Amino acid sequence: MSRGGKREGAGRKTKAEEQRIRDILSPYREETIEKVVAIMRTAEKESDQLSAAKLLMSYDWGLPKQQIEQNVNLVEEFILERTVVETKPKTD
């Protein structure tokens, strides 16, 4: 039974492995782009056309930066509550 730790195949591929995969897929690049463009232009459903357009844009310009909002008040409240509990005089 596994108890955690490093798993075979887990984690990021090595640079050499990533390059090997790129080399294998390289002959299909142009055909793949042409297929996505064809879907964008001719798909019956507008949602399929939009998905294809988004895919092309994300590879051309990259995905937009994602902003993450944090609520620091929760951490401050926890620290304050813990401080109050720890400094409360013991009654026996």
PDB file of N, CA and C in Angstrom:
ATOM      1  N   MET A   1       0.831  -1.168   0.000  1.00  0.00           N
ATOM      2  CA  MET A   1       0.000   0.000   0.000  1.00  0.00           C
ATOM      3  C   MET A   1       0.887   1.246   0.000  1.00  0.00           C
ATOM      4  N   SER A   2       0.587   2.177  -0.884  1.00  0.00           N
ATOM      5  CA  SER A   2       1.371   3.392  -0.986  1.00  0.00           C
ATOM      6  C   SER A   2       1.063   4.324   0.183  1.00  0.00           C
ATOM      7  N   ARG A   3       2.080   4.934   0.691  1.00  0.00           N
ATOM      8  CA  ARG A   3       1.904   5.860   1.815  1.00  0.00           C
ATOM      9  C   ARG A   3       2.355   7.273   1.440  1.00  0.00           C
ATOM     10  N   GLY A   4       2.214   7.638   0.182  1.00  0.00           N
ATOM     11  CA  GLY A   4       2.602   8.983  -0.237  1.00  0.00           C
ATOM     12  C   GLY A   4       4.029   9.021  -0.741  1.00  0.00           C
ATOM     13  N   GLY A   5       4.509  10.223  -0.909  1.00  0.00           N
ATOM     14  CA  GLY A   5       5.870  10.376  -1.392  1.00  0.00           C
ATOM     15  C   GLY A   5       5.894  10.451  -2.905  1.00  0.00           C
ATOM     16  N   LYS A   6       7.069  10.284  -3.468  1.00  0.00           N
ATOM     17  CA  LYS A   6       7.246  10.408  -4.910  1.00  0.00           C
ATOM     18  C   LYS A   6       6.589   9.233  -5.632  1.00  0.00           C
ATOM     19  N   ARG A   7       5.799   9.564  -6.635  1.00  0.00           N
ATOM     20  CA  ARG A   7       5.168   8.533  -7.461  1.00  0.00           C
ATOM     21  C   ARG A   7       5.827   8.528  -8.832  1.00  0.00           C
ATOM     22  N   GLU A   8       5.992   7.371  -9.385  1.00  0.00           N
ATOM     23  CA  GLU A   8       6.572   7.258 -10.717  1.00  0.00           C
ATOM     24  C   GLU A   8       5.699   7.983 -11.732  1.00  0.00           C
ATOM     25  N   GLY A   9       6.321   8.815 -12.551  1.00  0.00           N
ATOM     26  CA  GLY A   9       5.587   9.549 -13.582  1.00  0.00           C
ATOM     27  C   GLY A   9       4.958  10.843 -13.084  1.00  0.00           C
ATOM     28  N   ALA A  10       5.045  11.103 -11.791  1.00  0.00           N
ATOM     29  CA  ALA A  10       4.455  12.328 -11.236  1.00  0.00           C
ATOM     30  C   ALA A  10       5.405  13.495 -11.461  1.00  0.00           C
ATOM     31  N   GLY A  11       4.840  14.684 -11.489  1.00  0.00           N
ATOM     32  CA  GLY A  11       5.656  15.884 -11.615  1.00  0.00           C
ATOM     33  C   GLY A  11       5.880  16.280 -13.056  1.00  0.00           C
ATOM     34  N   ARG A  12       6.621  17.332 -13.232  1.00  0.00           N
ATOM     35  CA  ARG A  12       6.873  17.891 -14.560  1.00  0.00           C
ATOM     36  C   ARG A  12       7.850  17.012 -15.340  1.00  0.00           C
ATOM     37  N   LYS A  13       7.612  16.956 -16.633  1.00  0.00           N
ATOM     38  CA  LYS A  13       8.515  16.199 -17.506  1.00  0.00           C
ATOM     39  C   LYS A  13       9.859  16.930 -17.586  1.00  0.00           C
ATOM     40  N   THR A  14      10.904  16.182 -17.858  1.00  0.00           N
ATOM     41  CA  THR A  14      12.220  16.792 -18.031  1.00  0.00           C
ATOM     42  C   THR A  14      12.227  17.577 -19.336  1.00  0.00           C
ATOM     43  N   LYS A  15      13.169  18.493 -19.457  1.00  0.00           N
ATOM     44  CA  LYS A  15      13.295  19.276 -20.698  1.00  0.00           C
ATOM     45  C   LYS A  15      13.510  18.350 -21.895  1.00  0.00           C
ATOM     46  N   ALA A  16      14.276  17.306 -21.702  1.00  0.00           N
ATOM     47  CA  ALA A  16      14.545  16.361 -22.791  1.00  0.00           C
ATOM     48  C   ALA A  16      13.260  15.651 -23.219  1.00  0.00           C
ATOM     49  N   GLU A  17      12.434  15.268 -22.239  1.00  0.00           N
ATOM     50  CA  GLU A  17      11.164  14.601 -22.550  1.00  0.00           C
ATOM     51  C   GLU A  17      10.205  15.552 -23.264  1.00  0.00           C
ATOM     52  N   GLU A  18      10.145  16.806 -22.795  1.00  0.00           N
ATOM     53  CA  GLU A  18       9.294  17.797 -23.463  1.00  0.00           C
ATOM     54  C   GLU A  18       9.740  18.005 -24.903  1.00  0.00           C
ATOM     55  N   GLN A  19      11.055  18.078 -25.129  1.00  0.00           N
ATOM     56  CA  GLN A  19      11.578  18.260 -26.486  1.00  0.00           C
ATOM     57  C   GLN A  19      11.269  17.046 -27.359  1.00  0.00           C
ATOM     58  N   ARG A  20      11.364  15.850 -26.785  1.00  0.00           N
ATOM     59  CA  ARG A  20      11.047  14.632 -27.538  1.00  0.00           C
ATOM     60  C   ARG A  20       9.586  14.651 -27.987  1.00  0.00           C
ATOM     61  N   ILE A  21       8.696  15.065 -27.107  1.00  0.00           N
ATOM     62  CA  ILE A  21       7.268  15.141 -27.448  1.00  0.00           C
ATOM     63  C   ILE A  21       7.040  16.184 -28.544  1.00  0.00           C
ATOM     64  N   ARG A  22       7.716  17.356 -28.421  1.00  0.00           N
ATOM     65  CA  ARG A  22       7.598  18.386 -29.464  1.00  0.00           C
ATOM     66  C   ARG A  22       8.067  17.851 -30.813  1.00  0.00           C
ATOM     67  N   ASP A  23       9.163  17.113 -30.801  1.00  0.00           N
ATOM     68  CA  ASP A  23       9.696  16.555 -32.046  1.00  0.00           C
ATOM     69  C   ASP A  23       8.719  15.573 -32.691  1.00  0.00           C
ATOM     70  N   ILE A  24       8.058  14.766 -31.862  1.00  0.00           N
ATOM     71  CA  ILE A  24       7.089  13.791 -32.382  1.00  0.00           C
ATOM     72  C   ILE A  24       5.890  14.515 -32.996  1.00  0.00           C
ATOM     73  N   LEU A  25       5.432  15.589 -32.339  1.00  0.00           N
ATOM     74  CA  LEU A  25       4.239  16.297 -32.800  1.00  0.00           C
ATOM     75  C   LEU A  25       4.517  17.310 -33.901  1.00  0.00           C
ATOM     76  N   SER A  26       5.752  17.679 -34.081  1.00  0.00           N
ATOM     77  CA  SER A  26       6.132  18.720 -35.036  1.00  0.00           C
ATOM     78  C   SER A  26       5.558  18.549 -36.452  1.00  0.00           C
ATOM     79  N   PRO A  27       5.578  17.354 -37.029  1.00  0.00           N
ATOM     80  CA  PRO A  27       5.050  17.211 -38.390  1.00  0.00           C
ATOM     81  C   PRO A  27       3.556  17.527 -38.512  1.00  0.00           C
ATOM     82  N   TYR A  28       2.837  17.544 -37.413  1.00  0.00           N
ATOM     83  CA  TYR A  28       1.389  17.749 -37.453  1.00  0.00           C
ATOM     84  C   TYR A  28       0.968  19.186 -37.146  1.00  0.00           C
ATOM     85  N   ARG A  29       1.931  20.058 -36.866  1.00  0.00           N
ATOM     86  CA  ARG A  29       1.597  21.433 -36.470  1.00  0.00           C
ATOM     87  C   ARG A  29       0.729  22.152 -37.491  1.00  0.00           C
ATOM     88  N   GLU A  30       1.202  22.223 -38.708  1.00  0.00           N
ATOM     89  CA  GLU A  30       0.487  22.975 -39.745  1.00  0.00           C
ATOM     90  C   GLU A  30      -0.915  22.403 -39.971  1.00  0.00           C
ATOM     91  N   GLU A  31      -1.008  21.087 -40.059  1.00  0.00           N
ATOM     92  CA  GLU A  31      -2.303  20.436 -40.269  1.00  0.00           C
ATOM     93  C   GLU A  31      -3.258  20.709 -39.095  1.00  0.00           C
ATOM     94  N   THR A  32      -2.708  20.699 -37.889  1.00  0.00           N
ATOM     95  CA  THR A  32      -3.518  20.947 -36.700  1.00  0.00           C
ATOM     96  C   THR A  32      -4.068  22.368 -36.711  1.00  0.00           C
ATOM     97  N   ILE A  33      -3.229  23.323 -37.021  1.00  0.00           N
ATOM     98  CA  ILE A  33      -3.674  24.720 -37.072  1.00  0.00           C
ATOM     99  C   ILE A  33      -4.723  24.895 -38.161  1.00  0.00           C
ATOM    100  N   GLU A  34      -4.501  24.278 -39.315  1.00  0.00           N
ATOM    101  CA  GLU A  34      -5.485  24.376 -40.408  1.00  0.00           C
ATOM    102  C   GLU A  34      -6.831  23.791 -39.990  1.00  0.00           C
ATOM    103  N   LYS A  35      -6.799  22.692 -39.248  1.00  0.00           N
ATOM    104  CA  LYS A  35      -8.036  22.059 -38.776  1.00  0.00           C
ATOM    105  C   LYS A  35      -8.791  22.975 -37.819  1.00  0.00           C
ATOM    106  N   VAL A  36      -8.065  23.577 -36.891  1.00  0.00           N
ATOM    107  CA  VAL A  36      -8.708  24.469 -35.916  1.00  0.00           C
ATOM    108  C   VAL A  36      -9.285  25.696 -36.632  1.00  0.00           C
ATOM    109  N   VAL A  37      -8.572  26.233 -37.599  1.00  0.00           N
ATOM    110  CA  VAL A  37      -9.079  27.372 -38.381  1.00  0.00           C
ATOM    111  C   VAL A  37     -10.327  26.956 -39.154  1.00  0.00           C
ATOM    112  N   ALA A  38     -10.323  25.764 -39.727  1.00  0.00           N
ATOM    113  CA  ALA A  38     -11.496  25.278 -40.465  1.00  0.00           C
ATOM    114  C   ALA A  38     -12.703  25.154 -39.529  1.00  0.00           C
ATOM    115  N   ILE A  39     -12.490  24.658 -38.336  1.00  0.00           N
ATOM    116  CA  ILE A  39     -13.585  24.552 -37.362  1.00  0.00           C
ATOM    117  C   ILE A  39     -14.093  25.946 -37.009  1.00  0.00           C
ATOM    118  N   MET A  40     -13.170  26.868 -36.791  1.00  0.00           N
ATOM    119  CA  MET A  40     -13.551  28.230 -36.444  1.00  0.00           C
ATOM    120  C   MET A  40     -14.413  28.858 -37.546  1.00  0.00           C
ATOM    121  N   ARG A  41     -14.108  28.542 -38.795  1.00  0.00           N
ATOM    122  CA  ARG A  41     -14.823  29.171 -39.916  1.00  0.00           C
ATOM    123  C   ARG A  41     -16.094  28.437 -40.330  1.00  0.00           C
ATOM    124  N   THR A  42     -16.142  27.120 -40.117  1.00  0.00           N
ATOM    125  CA  THR A  42     -17.244  26.374 -40.737  1.00  0.00           C
ATOM    126  C   THR A  42     -18.113  25.558 -39.784  1.00  0.00           C
ATOM    127  N   ALA A  43     -17.775  25.517 -38.525  1.00  0.00           N
ATOM    128  CA  ALA A  43     -18.565  24.693 -37.590  1.00  0.00           C
ATOM    129  C   ALA A  43     -20.010  25.199 -37.559  1.00  0.00           C
ATOM    130  N   GLU A  44     -20.939  24.266 -37.427  1.00  0.00           N
ATOM    131  CA  GLU A  44     -22.357  24.630 -37.389  1.00  0.00           C
ATOM    132  C   GLU A  44     -22.693  25.411 -36.125  1.00  0.00           C
ATOM    133  N   LYS A  45     -22.169  24.953 -35.008  1.00  0.00           N
ATOM    134  CA  LYS A  45     -22.481  25.611 -33.737  1.00  0.00           C
ATOM    135  C   LYS A  45     -21.523  26.782 -33.506  1.00  0.00           C
ATOM    136  N   GLU A  46     -22.098  27.911 -33.148  1.00  0.00           N
ATOM    137  CA  GLU A  46     -21.286  29.090 -32.880  1.00  0.00           C
ATOM    138  C   GLU A  46     -20.351  28.855 -31.691  1.00  0.00           C
ATOM    139  N   SER A  47     -20.786  28.041 -30.734  1.00  0.00           N
ATOM    140  CA  SER A  47     -19.939  27.761 -29.571  1.00  0.00           C
ATOM    141  C   SER A  47     -18.664  27.011 -29.982  1.00  0.00           C
ATOM    142  N   ASP A  48     -18.767  26.135 -30.992  1.00  0.00           N
ATOM    143  CA  ASP A  48     -17.588  25.430 -31.492  1.00  0.00           C
ATOM    144  C   ASP A  48     -16.645  26.397 -32.204  1.00  0.00           C
ATOM    145  N   GLN A  49     -17.224  27.328 -32.952  1.00  0.00           N
ATOM    146  CA  GLN A  49     -16.414  28.332 -33.637  1.00  0.00           C
ATOM    147  C   GLN A  49     -15.665  29.191 -32.616  1.00  0.00           C
ATOM    148  N   LEU A  50     -16.381  29.588 -31.566  1.00  0.00           N
ATOM    149  CA  LEU A  50     -15.773  30.418 -30.528  1.00  0.00           C
ATOM    150  C   LEU A  50     -14.672  29.652 -29.788  1.00  0.00           C
ATOM    151  N   SER A  51     -14.905  28.384 -29.493  1.00  0.00           N
ATOM    152  CA  SER A  51     -13.885  27.573 -28.812  1.00  0.00           C
ATOM    153  C   SER A  51     -12.617  27.473 -29.655  1.00  0.00           C
ATOM    154  N   ALA A  52     -12.784  27.287 -30.951  1.00  0.00           N
ATOM    155  CA  ALA A  52     -11.634  27.198 -31.852  1.00  0.00           C
ATOM    156  C   ALA A  52     -10.887  28.532 -31.902  1.00  0.00           C
ATOM    157  N   ALA A  53     -11.639  29.626 -31.967  1.00  0.00           N
ATOM    158  CA  ALA A  53     -11.012  30.949 -31.993  1.00  0.00           C
ATOM    159  C   ALA A  53     -10.242  31.204 -30.702  1.00  0.00           C
ATOM    160  N   LYS A  54     -10.836  30.829 -29.551  1.00  0.00           N
ATOM    161  CA  LYS A  54     -10.162  31.009 -28.260  1.00  0.00           C
ATOM    162  C   LYS A  54      -8.873  30.183 -28.202  1.00  0.00           C
ATOM    163  N   LEU A  55      -8.925  28.978 -28.737  1.00  0.00           N
ATOM    164  CA  LEU A  55      -7.742  28.118 -28.736  1.00  0.00           C
ATOM    165  C   LEU A  55      -6.616  28.760 -29.545  1.00  0.00           C
ATOM    166  N   LEU A  56      -6.955  29.257 -30.731  1.00  0.00           N
ATOM    167  CA  LEU A  56      -5.937  29.903 -31.563  1.00  0.00           C
ATOM    168  C   LEU A  56      -5.360  31.137 -30.870  1.00  0.00           C
ATOM    169  N   MET A  57      -6.229  31.930 -30.275  1.00  0.00           N
ATOM    170  CA  MET A  57      -5.761  33.151 -29.597  1.00  0.00           C
ATOM    171  C   MET A  57      -4.879  32.806 -28.399  1.00  0.00           C
ATOM    172  N   SER A  58      -5.245  31.784 -27.639  1.00  0.00           N
ATOM    173  CA  SER A  58      -4.462  31.451 -26.458  1.00  0.00           C
ATOM    174  C   SER A  58      -3.060  30.979 -26.827  1.00  0.00           C
ATOM    175  N   TYR A  59      -2.924  30.311 -27.962  1.00  0.00           N
ATOM    176  CA  TYR A  59      -1.597  29.874 -28.381  1.00  0.00           C
ATOM    177  C   TYR A  59      -0.814  31.003 -29.033  1.00  0.00           C
ATOM    178  N   ASP A  60      -1.531  31.937 -29.666  1.00  0.00           N
ATOM    179  CA  ASP A  60      -0.862  33.042 -30.341  1.00  0.00           C
ATOM    180  C   ASP A  60      -0.414  34.109 -29.347  1.00  0.00           C
ATOM    181  N   TRP A  61      -1.303  34.515 -28.454  1.00  0.00           N
ATOM    182  CA  TRP A  61      -1.019  35.601 -27.520  1.00  0.00           C
ATOM    183  C   TRP A  61      -0.767  35.121 -26.103  1.00  0.00           C
ATOM    184  N   GLY A  62      -1.095  33.910 -25.807  1.00  0.00           N
ATOM    185  CA  GLY A  62      -0.965  33.402 -24.440  1.00  0.00           C
ATOM    186  C   GLY A  62      -2.219  33.688 -23.645  1.00  0.00           C
ATOM    187  N   LEU A  63      -2.393  32.955 -22.586  1.00  0.00           N
ATOM    188  CA  LEU A  63      -3.563  33.149 -21.743  1.00  0.00           C
ATOM    189  C   LEU A  63      -3.380  34.397 -20.887  1.00  0.00           C
ATOM    190  N   PRO A  64      -4.467  35.097 -20.600  1.00  0.00           N
ATOM    191  CA  PRO A  64      -4.336  36.284 -19.748  1.00  0.00           C
ATOM    192  C   PRO A  64      -3.913  35.890 -18.339  1.00  0.00           C
ATOM    193  N   LYS A  65      -3.263  36.820 -17.654  1.00  0.00           N
ATOM    194  CA  LYS A  65      -2.860  36.553 -16.272  1.00  0.00           C
ATOM    195  C   LYS A  65      -4.105  36.421 -15.419  1.00  0.00           C
ATOM    196  N   GLN A  66      -4.048  35.494 -14.500  1.00  0.00           N
ATOM    197  CA  GLN A  66      -5.185  35.233 -13.634  1.00  0.00           C
ATOM    198  C   GLN A  66      -4.953  35.962 -12.317  1.00  0.00           C
ATOM    199  N   GLN A  67      -5.950  36.733 -11.917  1.00  0.00           N
ATOM    200  CA  GLN A  67      -5.834  37.438 -10.646  1.00  0.00           C
ATOM    201  C   GLN A  67      -6.529  36.628  -9.569  1.00  0.00           C
ATOM    202  N   ILE A  68      -5.871  36.552  -8.415  1.00  0.00           N
ATOM    203  CA  ILE A  68      -6.430  35.803  -7.300  1.00  0.00           C
ATOM    204  C   ILE A  68      -6.669  36.781  -6.154  1.00  0.00           C
ATOM    205  N   GLU A  69      -7.898  36.797  -5.678  1.00  0.00           N
ATOM    206  CA  GLU A  69      -8.239  37.681  -4.581  1.00  0.00           C
ATOM    207  C   GLU A  69      -8.104  36.912  -3.273  1.00  0.00           C
ATOM    208  N   GLN A  70      -7.455  37.536  -2.309  1.00  0.00           N
ATOM    209  CA  GLN A  70      -7.265  36.881  -1.019  1.00  0.00           C
ATOM    210  C   GLN A  70      -7.981  37.671   0.060  1.00  0.00           C
ATOM    211  N   ASN A  71      -8.518  36.963   1.018  1.00  0.00           N
ATOM    212  CA  ASN A  71      -9.156  37.605   2.147  1.00  0.00           C
ATOM    213  C   ASN A  71      -8.236  37.467   3.352  1.00  0.00           C
ATOM    214  N   VAL A  72      -7.500  38.531   3.654  1.00  0.00           N
ATOM    215  CA  VAL A  72      -6.535  38.491   4.738  1.00  0.00           C
ATOM    216  C   VAL A  72      -7.224  38.645   6.084  1.00  0.00           C
ATOM    217  N   ASN A  73      -8.443  39.133   6.099  1.00  0.00           N
ATOM    218  CA  ASN A  73      -9.157  39.318   7.354  1.00  0.00           C
ATOM    219  C   ASN A  73      -9.316  38.006   8.106  1.00  0.00           C
ATOM    220  N   LEU A  74      -9.526  36.903   7.380  1.00  0.00           N
ATOM    221  CA  LEU A  74      -9.678  35.608   8.036  1.00  0.00           C
ATOM    222  C   LEU A  74      -8.431  35.241   8.826  1.00  0.00           C
ATOM    223  N   VAL A  75      -7.275  35.493   8.247  1.00  0.00           N
ATOM    224  CA  VAL A  75      -6.018  35.183   8.922  1.00  0.00           C
ATOM    225  C   VAL A  75      -5.866  36.091  10.137  1.00  0.00           C
ATOM    226  N   GLU A  76      -6.158  37.384   9.970  1.00  0.00           N
ATOM    227  CA  GLU A  76      -6.042  38.318  11.088  1.00  0.00           C
ATOM    228  C   GLU A  76      -7.000  37.938  12.213  1.00  0.00           C
ATOM    229  N   GLU A  77      -8.231  37.558  11.874  1.00  0.00           N
ATOM    230  CA  GLU A  77      -9.207  37.155  12.883  1.00  0.00           C
ATOM    231  C   GLU A  77      -8.734  35.912  13.632  1.00  0.00           C
ATOM    232  N   PHE A  78      -8.171  34.957  12.905  1.00  0.00           N
ATOM    233  CA  PHE A  78      -7.672  33.727  13.530  1.00  0.00           C
ATOM    234  C   PHE A  78      -6.556  34.051  14.512  1.00  0.00           C
ATOM    235  N   ILE A  79      -5.611  34.888  14.077  1.00  0.00           N
ATOM    236  CA  ILE A  79      -4.483  35.246  14.945  1.00  0.00           C
ATOM    237  C   ILE A  79      -4.994  35.994  16.175  1.00  0.00           C
ATOM    238  N   LEU A  80      -5.915  36.930  15.980  1.00  0.00           N
ATOM    239  CA  LEU A  80      -6.465  37.691  17.093  1.00  0.00           C
ATOM    240  C   LEU A  80      -7.189  36.769  18.070  1.00  0.00           C
ATOM    241  N   GLU A  81      -8.017  35.865  17.536  1.00  0.00           N
ATOM    242  CA  GLU A  81      -8.765  34.936  18.387  1.00  0.00           C
ATOM    243  C   GLU A  81      -7.809  34.037  19.167  1.00  0.00           C
ATOM    244  N   ARG A  82      -6.780  33.559  18.519  1.00  0.00           N
ATOM    245  CA  ARG A  82      -5.809  32.674  19.174  1.00  0.00           C
ATOM    246  C   ARG A  82      -5.066  33.423  20.268  1.00  0.00           C
ATOM    247  N   THR A  83      -4.714  34.683  19.989  1.00  0.00           N
ATOM    248  CA  THR A  83      -4.009  35.494  20.973  1.00  0.00           C
ATOM    249  C   THR A  83      -4.881  35.710  22.206  1.00  0.00           C
ATOM    250  N   VAL A  84      -6.148  36.000  21.979  1.00  0.00           N
ATOM    251  CA  VAL A  84      -7.074  36.219  23.098  1.00  0.00           C
ATOM    252  C   VAL A  84      -7.181  34.960  23.937  1.00  0.00           C
ATOM    253  N   VAL A  85      -7.311  33.818  23.315  1.00  0.00           N
ATOM    254  CA  VAL A  85      -7.452  32.543  24.042  1.00  0.00           C
ATOM    255  C   VAL A  85      -6.181  32.249  24.820  1.00  0.00           C
ATOM    256  N   GLU A  86      -5.012  32.455  24.213  1.00  0.00           N
ATOM    257  CA  GLU A  86      -3.738  32.123  24.867  1.00  0.00           C
ATOM    258  C   GLU A  86      -3.419  33.066  26.019  1.00  0.00           C
ATOM    259  N   THR A  87      -3.880  34.315  25.955  1.00  0.00           N
ATOM    260  CA  THR A  87      -3.562  35.281  26.999  1.00  0.00           C
ATOM    261  C   THR A  87      -4.618  35.342  28.087  1.00  0.00           C
ATOM    262  N   LYS A  88      -5.701  34.603  27.924  1.00  0.00           N
ATOM    263  CA  LYS A  88      -6.778  34.594  28.911  1.00  0.00           C
ATOM    264  C   LYS A  88      -6.257  33.925  30.179  1.00  0.00           C
ATOM    265  N   PRO A  89      -6.458  34.561  31.335  1.00  0.00           N
ATOM    266  CA  PRO A  89      -5.942  33.963  32.569  1.00  0.00           C
ATOM    267  C   PRO A  89      -6.647  32.640  32.878  1.00  0.00           C
ATOM    268  N   LYS A  90      -5.894  31.710  33.396  1.00  0.00           N
ATOM    269  CA  LYS A  90      -6.452  30.408  33.763  1.00  0.00           C
ATOM    270  C   LYS A  90      -7.196  30.532  35.087  1.00  0.00           C
ATOM    271  N   THR A  91      -8.329  29.883  35.143  1.00  0.00           N
ATOM    272  CA  THR A  91      -9.087  29.879  36.398  1.00  0.00           C
ATOM    273  C   THR A  91      -9.195  28.458  36.903  1.00  0.00           C
ATOM    274  N   ASP A  92      -8.742  28.231  38.119  1.00  0.00           N
ATOM    275  CA  ASP A  92      -8.777  26.870  38.681  1.00  0.00           C
ATOM    276  C   ASP A  92      -9.787  26.785  39.794  1.00  0.00           C
TER     277      ASP A  92
END
